[in-house]
Amino acid sequence: MEAVDICGQSLAKGSHVRYAGTGTVGNISDIKVIDEETWAKIDSTDLWYKSNTLQTVDKVEKMTKELSKEELRDKVKKMKKTIGDNIEMSTEMCDGGG
């Protein structure tokens, strides 16, 4: 059974893919068939996904960048400045329903 993505494109080990549910990206590290369903393991999460929930992408780019302590402090200051007094901290609670 051939592994294919959500668009019908063939998948193989090393293919660059995105999981449609969360946008997780990575490369396929393994493929297996269980009960006539094809599964692909993505290296970035080390999890198995049904192949028909994946989409082939041109390139996988890491979205993370390590920040220095100074860069992190500046980022937090900018966030605090942006948020400012725009957040309402209410003690009212929503009904849980049911």
N, C-alpha and C. Protein backbone atom coordinates (compact mmCIF):
# COMPACT_ATOMS: atom_id res chain seq x y z
N MET A 1 0.84 -1.18 0.00
CA MET A 1 0.00 0.00 0.00
C MET A 1 0.89 1.24 0.00
N GLU A 2 0.63 2.15 -0.93
CA GLU A 2 1.44 3.36 -1.05
C GLU A 2 0.94 4.43 -0.07
N ALA A 3 1.87 5.10 0.58
CA ALA A 3 1.52 6.19 1.48
C ALA A 3 1.30 7.45 0.67
N VAL A 4 0.13 8.07 0.85
CA VAL A 4 -0.18 9.32 0.15
C VAL A 4 -0.70 10.35 1.15
N ASP A 5 -0.47 11.62 0.82
CA ASP A 5 -0.93 12.69 1.70
C ASP A 5 -2.37 13.07 1.39
N ILE A 6 -2.84 14.13 2.00
CA ILE A 6 -4.22 14.58 1.87
C ILE A 6 -4.57 14.96 0.43
N CYS A 7 -3.55 15.31 -0.37
CA CYS A 7 -3.77 15.70 -1.77
C CYS A 7 -3.48 14.56 -2.75
N GLY A 8 -3.15 13.39 -2.22
CA GLY A 8 -2.85 12.25 -3.08
C GLY A 8 -1.39 12.18 -3.53
N GLN A 9 -0.53 13.04 -3.00
CA GLN A 9 0.90 13.02 -3.32
C GLN A 9 1.57 11.86 -2.58
N SER A 10 2.50 11.20 -3.25
CA SER A 10 3.21 10.09 -2.62
C SER A 10 4.10 10.59 -1.49
N LEU A 11 4.16 9.80 -0.42
CA LEU A 11 5.01 10.10 0.73
C LEU A 11 6.08 9.02 0.86
N ALA A 12 7.25 9.42 1.32
CA ALA A 12 8.35 8.49 1.55
C ALA A 12 9.17 9.01 2.72
N LYS A 13 10.03 8.15 3.24
CA LYS A 13 10.93 8.60 4.30
C LYS A 13 11.71 9.81 3.80
N GLY A 14 11.81 10.83 4.65
CA GLY A 14 12.52 12.05 4.28
C GLY A 14 11.62 13.13 3.68
N SER A 15 10.36 12.78 3.35
CA SER A 15 9.45 13.78 2.79
C SER A 15 9.19 14.88 3.82
N HIS A 16 9.11 16.12 3.34
CA HIS A 16 8.78 17.26 4.19
C HIS A 16 7.26 17.36 4.23
N VAL A 17 6.70 17.38 5.45
CA VAL A 17 5.24 17.39 5.58
C VAL A 17 4.77 18.34 6.66
N ARG A 18 3.47 18.69 6.58
CA ARG A 18 2.80 19.49 7.61
C ARG A 18 1.55 18.72 8.02
N TYR A 19 1.31 18.61 9.33
CA TYR A 19 0.10 17.98 9.83
C TYR A 19 -1.01 19.03 9.79
N ALA A 20 -2.08 18.72 9.08
CA ALA A 20 -3.16 19.68 8.85
C ALA A 20 -3.84 20.12 10.14
N GLY A 21 -3.91 19.26 11.14
CA GLY A 21 -4.63 19.58 12.37
C GLY A 21 -4.01 20.69 13.20
N THR A 22 -2.69 20.72 13.30
CA THR A 22 -2.03 21.69 14.17
C THR A 22 -0.99 22.55 13.46
N GLY A 23 -0.66 22.19 12.22
CA GLY A 23 0.38 22.93 11.51
C GLY A 23 1.78 22.44 11.82
N THR A 24 1.89 21.37 12.60
CA THR A 24 3.19 20.80 12.92
C THR A 24 3.91 20.40 11.64
N VAL A 25 5.20 20.76 11.54
CA VAL A 25 5.98 20.41 10.36
C VAL A 25 7.15 19.52 10.75
N GLY A 26 7.61 18.73 9.81
CA GLY A 26 8.75 17.86 10.05
C GLY A 26 9.02 16.99 8.85
N ASN A 27 9.93 16.08 9.01
CA ASN A 27 10.28 15.13 7.97
C ASN A 27 9.80 13.75 8.40
N ILE A 28 9.36 12.97 7.43
CA ILE A 28 8.92 11.61 7.74
C ILE A 28 10.13 10.74 8.03
N SER A 29 10.12 10.13 9.23
CA SER A 29 11.24 9.27 9.61
C SER A 29 10.92 7.79 9.44
N ASP A 30 9.62 7.45 9.35
CA ASP A 30 9.23 6.05 9.18
C ASP A 30 7.80 6.00 8.66
N ILE A 31 7.46 4.90 8.00
CA ILE A 31 6.11 4.68 7.48
C ILE A 31 5.72 3.25 7.79
N LYS A 32 4.45 3.05 8.21
CA LYS A 32 3.97 1.70 8.45
C LYS A 32 2.49 1.61 8.10
N VAL A 33 2.02 0.38 7.88
CA VAL A 33 0.62 0.12 7.58
C VAL A 33 0.04 -0.73 8.69
N ILE A 34 -1.08 -0.27 9.27
CA ILE A 34 -1.78 -1.01 10.32
C ILE A 34 -3.25 -1.07 9.92
N ASP A 35 -3.78 -2.28 9.84
CA ASP A 35 -5.19 -2.48 9.47
C ASP A 35 -5.57 -1.68 8.22
N GLU A 36 -4.75 -1.77 7.22
CA GLU A 36 -4.97 -1.13 5.92
C GLU A 36 -4.98 0.39 5.98
N GLU A 37 -4.42 0.99 7.03
CA GLU A 37 -4.25 2.43 7.12
C GLU A 37 -2.77 2.74 7.17
N THR A 38 -2.37 3.75 6.43
CA THR A 38 -0.96 4.12 6.36
C THR A 38 -0.66 5.20 7.38
N TRP A 39 0.41 5.00 8.13
CA TRP A 39 0.84 5.93 9.16
C TRP A 39 2.26 6.40 8.87
N ALA A 40 2.53 7.67 9.20
CA ALA A 40 3.87 8.23 9.00
C ALA A 40 4.33 8.87 10.31
N LYS A 41 5.58 8.64 10.65
CA LYS A 41 6.16 9.19 11.88
C LYS A 41 6.93 10.46 11.51
N ILE A 42 6.61 11.57 12.20
CA ILE A 42 7.28 12.84 11.93
C ILE A 42 8.39 13.05 12.95
N ASP A 43 9.58 13.38 12.45
CA ASP A 43 10.75 13.49 13.33
C ASP A 43 10.68 14.61 14.35
N SER A 44 9.98 15.70 14.06
CA SER A 44 9.95 16.83 14.98
C SER A 44 9.14 16.55 16.24
N THR A 45 8.18 15.62 16.17
CA THR A 45 7.37 15.28 17.34
C THR A 45 7.57 13.86 17.81
N ASP A 46 8.14 13.02 16.94
CA ASP A 46 8.32 11.59 17.21
C ASP A 46 6.96 10.91 17.41
N LEU A 47 5.92 11.44 16.72
CA LEU A 47 4.58 10.88 16.80
C LEU A 47 4.16 10.33 15.44
N TRP A 48 3.19 9.40 15.46
CA TRP A 48 2.64 8.81 14.25
C TRP A 48 1.38 9.54 13.83
N TYR A 49 1.22 9.81 12.53
CA TYR A 49 0.06 10.49 11.97
C TYR A 49 -0.47 9.67 10.80
N LYS A 50 -1.80 9.63 10.64
CA LYS A 50 -2.36 9.00 9.46
C LYS A 50 -1.86 9.79 8.25
N SER A 51 -1.41 9.08 7.24
CA SER A 51 -0.81 9.78 6.10
C SER A 51 -1.78 10.71 5.40
N ASN A 52 -3.08 10.40 5.46
CA ASN A 52 -4.05 11.26 4.78
C ASN A 52 -4.39 12.53 5.57
N THR A 53 -3.70 12.75 6.71
CA THR A 53 -3.86 14.00 7.46
C THR A 53 -2.63 14.89 7.28
N LEU A 54 -1.67 14.43 6.49
CA LEU A 54 -0.45 15.17 6.24
C LEU A 54 -0.50 15.83 4.87
N GLN A 55 0.25 16.93 4.72
CA GLN A 55 0.36 17.60 3.44
C GLN A 55 1.83 17.81 3.13
N THR A 56 2.23 17.44 1.93
CA THR A 56 3.61 17.63 1.51
C THR A 56 3.91 19.12 1.38
N VAL A 57 5.06 19.54 1.90
CA VAL A 57 5.49 20.94 1.78
C VAL A 57 6.87 20.96 1.15
N ASP A 58 7.24 22.10 0.57
CA ASP A 58 8.51 22.21 -0.13
C ASP A 58 9.71 22.11 0.80
N LYS A 59 9.63 22.76 1.95
CA LYS A 59 10.78 22.81 2.84
C LYS A 59 10.30 22.95 4.27
N VAL A 60 10.99 22.32 5.18
CA VAL A 60 10.67 22.44 6.60
C VAL A 60 11.65 23.42 7.21
N GLU A 61 11.10 24.51 7.76
CA GLU A 61 11.95 25.50 8.42
C GLU A 61 11.63 25.51 9.90
N LYS A 62 12.66 25.53 10.70
CA LYS A 62 12.45 25.60 12.15
C LYS A 62 11.97 27.01 12.48
N MET A 63 10.94 27.06 13.30
CA MET A 63 10.35 28.33 13.67
C MET A 63 10.92 28.86 14.99
N THR A 64 11.84 28.14 15.58
CA THR A 64 12.36 28.56 16.87
C THR A 64 13.71 29.24 16.71
N LYS A 65 13.96 30.19 17.58
CA LYS A 65 15.25 30.89 17.59
C LYS A 65 15.61 31.09 19.04
N GLU A 66 16.82 30.76 19.38
CA GLU A 66 17.25 30.96 20.75
C GLU A 66 17.53 32.43 20.97
N LEU A 67 17.01 32.96 22.07
CA LEU A 67 17.20 34.36 22.41
C LEU A 67 18.18 34.49 23.57
N SER A 68 18.96 35.57 23.51
CA SER A 68 19.84 35.85 24.65
C SER A 68 18.97 36.41 25.77
N LYS A 69 19.52 36.49 26.97
CA LYS A 69 18.77 37.02 28.10
C LYS A 69 18.33 38.45 27.82
N GLU A 70 19.20 39.22 27.20
CA GLU A 70 18.88 40.62 26.90
C GLU A 70 17.75 40.71 25.86
N GLU A 71 17.81 39.87 24.83
CA GLU A 71 16.75 39.86 23.82
C GLU A 71 15.42 39.45 24.44
N LEU A 72 15.47 38.47 25.34
CA LEU A 72 14.26 38.01 26.01
C LEU A 72 13.67 39.10 26.90
N ARG A 73 14.53 39.81 27.66
CA ARG A 73 14.06 40.91 28.49
C ARG A 73 13.39 42.00 27.65
N ASP A 74 14.03 42.35 26.52
CA ASP A 74 13.46 43.36 25.63
C ASP A 74 12.11 42.93 25.08
N LYS A 75 12.01 41.67 24.72
CA LYS A 75 10.76 41.14 24.18
C LYS A 75 9.65 41.20 25.23
N VAL A 76 9.97 40.84 26.47
CA VAL A 76 8.99 40.88 27.55
C VAL A 76 8.57 42.33 27.82
N LYS A 77 9.53 43.26 27.82
CA LYS A 77 9.20 44.68 28.03
C LYS A 77 8.25 45.18 26.95
N LYS A 78 8.53 44.81 25.69
CA LYS A 78 7.66 45.23 24.58
C LYS A 78 6.27 44.64 24.73
N MET A 79 6.19 43.39 25.15
CA MET A 79 4.89 42.75 25.35
C MET A 79 4.12 43.45 26.45
N LYS A 80 4.80 43.76 27.56
CA LYS A 80 4.14 44.44 28.67
C LYS A 80 3.66 45.82 28.23
N LYS A 81 4.48 46.51 27.44
CA LYS A 81 4.13 47.85 26.96
C LYS A 81 2.91 47.76 26.03
N THR A 82 2.89 46.76 25.17
CA THR A 82 1.79 46.58 24.22
C THR A 82 0.50 46.23 24.95
N ILE A 83 0.60 45.33 25.92
CA ILE A 83 -0.58 44.88 26.65
C ILE A 83 -1.07 45.98 27.58
N GLY A 84 -0.15 46.57 28.30
CA GLY A 84 -0.48 47.68 29.20
C GLY A 84 -1.69 47.41 30.05
N ASP A 85 -2.61 48.37 30.05
CA ASP A 85 -3.83 48.26 30.85
C ASP A 85 -5.00 47.73 30.04
N ASN A 86 -4.72 47.13 28.90
CA ASN A 86 -5.79 46.65 28.02
C ASN A 86 -6.40 45.32 28.46
N ILE A 87 -5.87 44.73 29.51
CA ILE A 87 -6.39 43.45 29.98
C ILE A 87 -7.28 43.68 31.18
N GLU A 88 -8.49 43.17 31.11
CA GLU A 88 -9.42 43.29 32.22
C GLU A 88 -9.29 42.04 33.09
N MET A 89 -8.93 42.22 34.33
CA MET A 89 -8.80 41.12 35.25
C MET A 89 -10.06 41.07 36.10
N SER A 90 -11.02 40.32 35.66
CA SER A 90 -12.31 40.24 36.33
C SER A 90 -12.36 39.07 37.29
N THR A 91 -13.12 39.24 38.35
CA THR A 91 -13.30 38.13 39.29
C THR A 91 -14.57 37.37 38.98
N GLU A 92 -15.33 37.85 37.98
CA GLU A 92 -16.55 37.14 37.59
C GLU A 92 -16.19 35.87 36.88
N MET A 93 -16.98 34.85 37.13
CA MET A 93 -16.71 33.55 36.50
C MET A 93 -17.86 33.19 35.58
N CYS A 94 -17.55 32.50 34.54
CA CYS A 94 -18.57 32.02 33.62
C CYS A 94 -19.22 30.77 34.21
N ASP A 95 -20.49 30.60 33.89
CA ASP A 95 -21.17 29.37 34.30
C ASP A 95 -20.56 28.19 33.56
N GLY A 96 -20.45 27.09 34.22
CA GLY A 96 -19.85 25.88 33.63
C GLY A 96 -20.77 25.15 32.69
N GLY A 97 -22.03 25.42 32.73
CA GLY A 97 -22.98 24.73 31.87
C GLY A 97 -23.21 23.30 32.36
N GLY A 98 -24.24 22.72 31.84
CA GLY A 98 -24.49 21.32 32.17
C GLY A 98 -25.37 21.17 33.28
